[in-house]
Amino acid sequence: MTFPGEERSQADLVETLADGTGRNARFIAAKYPEVTQFIASWIREAAHMGNWARVDKFANLAALLRVPGLGGALQEILDSDLVGFNKEDLVEILGEIREVGAVTCLFRVAEGSVNEDAPAYWLCQKVISSLGGIGTPEAFEYIRQMTVQSWPDVVRWYAAVELGIEDELGFDEDQMLG
């Protein structure tokens, strides 16, 4: 499908306009308002093709435009067996758009990555931050679960900080950041 007067597909044209940061999101949406109807499906298509650069560009654009279906598309990618994409970026976007339906998916990402995420646990930190940004009771419950002894101390500390209970759990900030 192409835009009127264009020879390239809509997705190809939008990809050339998107800079990956979303800075020009308003321009794109004003010039091609129908983008918001299609971008979630373009993300899915790009993911199935393994075109992660396109996924990143479209996800960042869609986040700023608050495109319906974005959260579902990102969750499908995170829940898939696909490889090669930047989980941290997708996790962060789900938090930025406050995708309430993503809290279980985000927790699964943390559970599935905790063994490979050491020693800094960047992905787990992003999950905790995104869950905190979503801010529902369910999201906070998942963060609370990440403070138990079965999680690595660094993850437990970041979860406790997000909940504001690090002193209560007896964490020494200097030792944790040490």
Protein backbone atom coordinates (compact mmCIF):
# COMPACT_ATOMS: atom_id res chain seq x y z
CA MET A 1 0.00 0.00 0.00
CA THR A 2 1.35 3.42 -0.94
CA PHE A 3 0.43 6.99 -0.09
CA PRO A 4 -1.21 8.97 -2.91
CA GLY A 5 1.47 10.28 -5.28
CA GLU A 6 4.17 8.01 -3.85
CA GLU A 7 5.81 4.98 -5.43
CA ARG A 8 7.31 3.52 -2.25
CA SER A 9 5.23 1.59 0.27
CA GLN A 10 3.87 3.55 3.20
CA ALA A 11 6.09 1.66 5.61
CA ASP A 12 9.21 2.30 3.51
CA LEU A 13 8.41 6.00 3.23
CA VAL A 14 7.73 6.40 6.94
CA GLU A 15 10.91 4.51 7.75
CA THR A 16 12.94 7.00 5.71
CA LEU A 17 11.28 9.87 7.56
CA ALA A 18 11.59 8.39 11.04
CA ASP A 19 14.91 9.14 12.67
CA GLY A 20 14.62 6.57 15.44
CA THR A 21 14.18 9.15 18.18
CA GLY A 22 10.67 10.24 17.31
CA ARG A 23 11.66 13.90 17.11
CA ASN A 24 9.81 14.29 13.85
CA ALA A 25 6.75 12.30 14.95
CA ARG A 26 4.39 15.27 14.73
CA PHE A 27 5.54 16.06 11.20
CA ILE A 28 5.01 12.47 10.09
CA ALA A 29 1.59 12.24 11.74
CA ALA A 30 0.50 15.56 10.25
CA LYS A 31 1.64 14.66 6.75
CA TYR A 32 0.47 11.03 6.89
CA PRO A 33 -2.23 10.72 9.58
CA GLU A 34 -3.08 7.17 8.51
CA VAL A 35 0.29 6.04 9.89
CA THR A 36 -1.30 5.59 13.31
CA GLN A 37 -3.62 2.93 11.90
CA PHE A 38 -0.84 0.82 10.41
CA ILE A 39 2.31 1.24 12.45
CA ALA A 40 1.60 -1.54 14.98
CA SER A 41 1.18 -4.01 12.13
CA TRP A 42 4.37 -2.68 10.50
CA ILE A 43 6.21 -3.35 13.77
CA ARG A 44 4.93 -6.93 13.78
CA GLU A 45 5.92 -7.43 10.13
CA ALA A 46 9.39 -6.00 10.70
CA ALA A 47 9.87 -8.22 13.75
CA HIS A 48 8.92 -11.35 11.82
CA MET A 49 11.44 -10.35 9.14
CA GLY A 50 14.10 -9.68 11.79
CA ASN A 51 14.39 -6.05 10.73
CA TRP A 52 15.17 -4.72 14.20
CA ALA A 53 16.26 -1.27 12.99
CA ARG A 54 12.77 -0.81 11.54
CA VAL A 55 11.14 -2.13 14.70
CA ASP A 56 13.11 0.38 16.79
CA LYS A 57 12.29 3.31 14.51
CA PHE A 58 8.61 2.48 14.36
CA ALA A 59 8.31 1.68 18.08
CA ASN A 60 9.86 5.02 19.06
CA LEU A 61 7.64 6.85 16.58
CA ALA A 62 4.53 4.99 17.73
CA ALA A 63 5.29 5.66 21.40
CA LEU A 64 5.31 9.41 20.86
CA LEU A 65 2.13 9.22 18.80
CA ARG A 66 0.45 6.99 21.40
CA VAL A 67 -0.55 4.58 18.67
CA PRO A 68 -3.24 2.05 19.59
CA GLY A 69 -1.94 -1.50 19.50
CA LEU A 70 1.69 -0.58 20.17
CA GLY A 71 1.74 -2.24 23.58
CA GLY A 72 0.35 -5.46 22.19
CA ALA A 73 2.86 -5.53 19.34
CA LEU A 74 5.80 -5.00 21.70
CA GLN A 75 4.54 -7.65 24.11
CA GLU A 76 4.25 -10.14 21.26
CA ILE A 77 7.89 -9.53 20.40
CA LEU A 78 9.04 -9.81 24.02
CA ASP A 79 7.05 -13.01 24.50
CA SER A 80 8.32 -14.55 21.26
CA ASP A 81 11.33 -16.73 20.55
CA LEU A 82 12.70 -14.06 18.20
CA VAL A 83 16.31 -13.01 18.74
CA GLY A 84 18.40 -10.00 17.85
CA PHE A 85 16.21 -7.20 19.17
CA ASN A 86 16.93 -4.80 22.01
CA LYS A 87 14.71 -5.95 24.87
CA GLU A 88 15.70 -2.97 27.01
CA ASP A 89 14.27 -0.49 24.51
CA LEU A 90 10.96 -2.33 24.17
CA VAL A 91 10.66 -2.69 27.95
CA GLU A 92 11.37 1.01 28.36
CA ILE A 93 8.76 1.98 25.77
CA LEU A 94 6.11 -0.12 27.52
CA GLY A 95 6.82 1.85 30.69
CA GLU A 96 6.82 5.18 28.88
CA ILE A 97 3.40 4.54 27.38
CA ARG A 98 2.20 3.12 30.70
CA GLU A 99 0.91 -0.05 29.06
CA VAL A 100 -1.15 -1.51 31.91
CA GLY A 101 -1.64 -4.78 30.07
CA ALA A 102 2.11 -5.36 29.89
CA VAL A 103 2.89 -5.86 33.57
CA THR A 104 2.86 -9.66 33.46
CA CYS A 105 4.90 -9.67 30.26
CA LEU A 106 7.45 -7.31 31.81
CA PHE A 107 7.80 -9.52 34.88
CA ARG A 108 8.31 -12.57 32.64
CA VAL A 109 11.08 -10.67 30.84
CA ALA A 110 12.84 -10.04 34.15
CA GLU A 111 12.40 -13.65 35.27
CA GLY A 112 13.68 -14.96 31.97
CA SER A 113 16.70 -12.71 31.83
CA VAL A 114 17.91 -12.55 35.39
CA ASN A 115 20.52 -15.29 34.93
CA GLU A 116 22.02 -13.66 31.81
CA ASP A 117 21.65 -10.07 33.03
CA ALA A 118 24.41 -10.16 35.65
CA PRO A 119 26.30 -8.35 37.02
CA ALA A 120 24.55 -4.99 36.51
CA TYR A 121 21.08 -6.37 35.70
CA TRP A 122 20.30 -3.54 33.26
CA LEU A 123 17.28 -5.30 31.79
CA CYS A 124 15.87 -6.05 35.22
CA GLN A 125 16.42 -2.40 36.16
CA LYS A 126 14.45 -1.31 33.08
CA VAL A 127 11.66 -3.74 33.95
CA ILE A 128 11.48 -2.35 37.49
CA SER A 129 11.44 1.23 36.21
CA SER A 130 8.75 0.43 33.64
CA LEU A 131 6.60 -1.35 36.18
CA GLY A 132 6.99 1.65 38.49
CA GLY A 133 5.99 3.97 35.63
CA ILE A 134 2.89 1.90 34.95
CA GLY A 135 2.11 2.25 38.62
CA THR A 136 -0.82 -0.12 39.04
CA PRO A 137 -1.25 -2.25 42.16
CA GLU A 138 -0.38 -5.32 40.03
CA ALA A 139 2.80 -3.62 38.76
CA PHE A 140 3.86 -2.74 42.30
CA GLU A 141 3.14 -6.30 43.42
CA TYR A 142 5.52 -7.62 40.77
CA ILE A 143 8.17 -5.16 41.92
CA ARG A 144 7.57 -6.29 45.50
CA GLN A 145 8.14 -9.91 44.39
CA MET A 146 11.53 -8.82 43.07
CA THR A 147 12.62 -7.82 46.59
CA VAL A 148 12.57 -11.39 47.93
CA GLN A 149 15.72 -13.38 48.65
CA SER A 150 15.47 -15.52 45.50
CA TRP A 151 16.40 -12.47 43.38
CA PRO A 152 19.99 -11.19 43.19
CA ASP A 153 20.81 -8.45 45.71
CA VAL A 154 21.27 -5.79 43.01
CA VAL A 155 17.80 -6.49 41.58
CA ARG A 156 16.29 -6.60 45.06
CA TRP A 157 17.86 -3.25 45.87
CA TYR A 158 16.57 -1.54 42.69
CA ALA A 159 13.11 -2.98 43.34
CA ALA A 160 13.23 -1.78 46.94
CA VAL A 161 14.32 1.71 45.82
CA GLU A 162 11.42 1.84 43.32
CA LEU A 163 9.05 0.98 46.16
CA GLY A 164 10.82 3.31 48.61
CA ILE A 165 11.51 0.49 51.08
CA GLU A 166 15.27 0.01 50.76
CA ASP A 167 15.97 1.15 54.34
CA GLU A 168 13.19 -1.07 55.61
CA LEU A 169 14.85 -4.06 53.93
CA GLY A 170 18.23 -3.14 55.41
CA PHE A 171 20.11 -2.29 52.24
CA ASP A 172 23.32 -0.25 52.44
CA GLU A 173 23.31 2.02 49.38
CA ASP A 174 27.11 2.43 49.35
CA GLN A 175 27.59 -1.33 49.36
CA MET A 176 24.96 -1.86 46.64
CA LEU A 177 26.43 0.78 44.33
CA GLY A 178 29.97 0.06 45.42
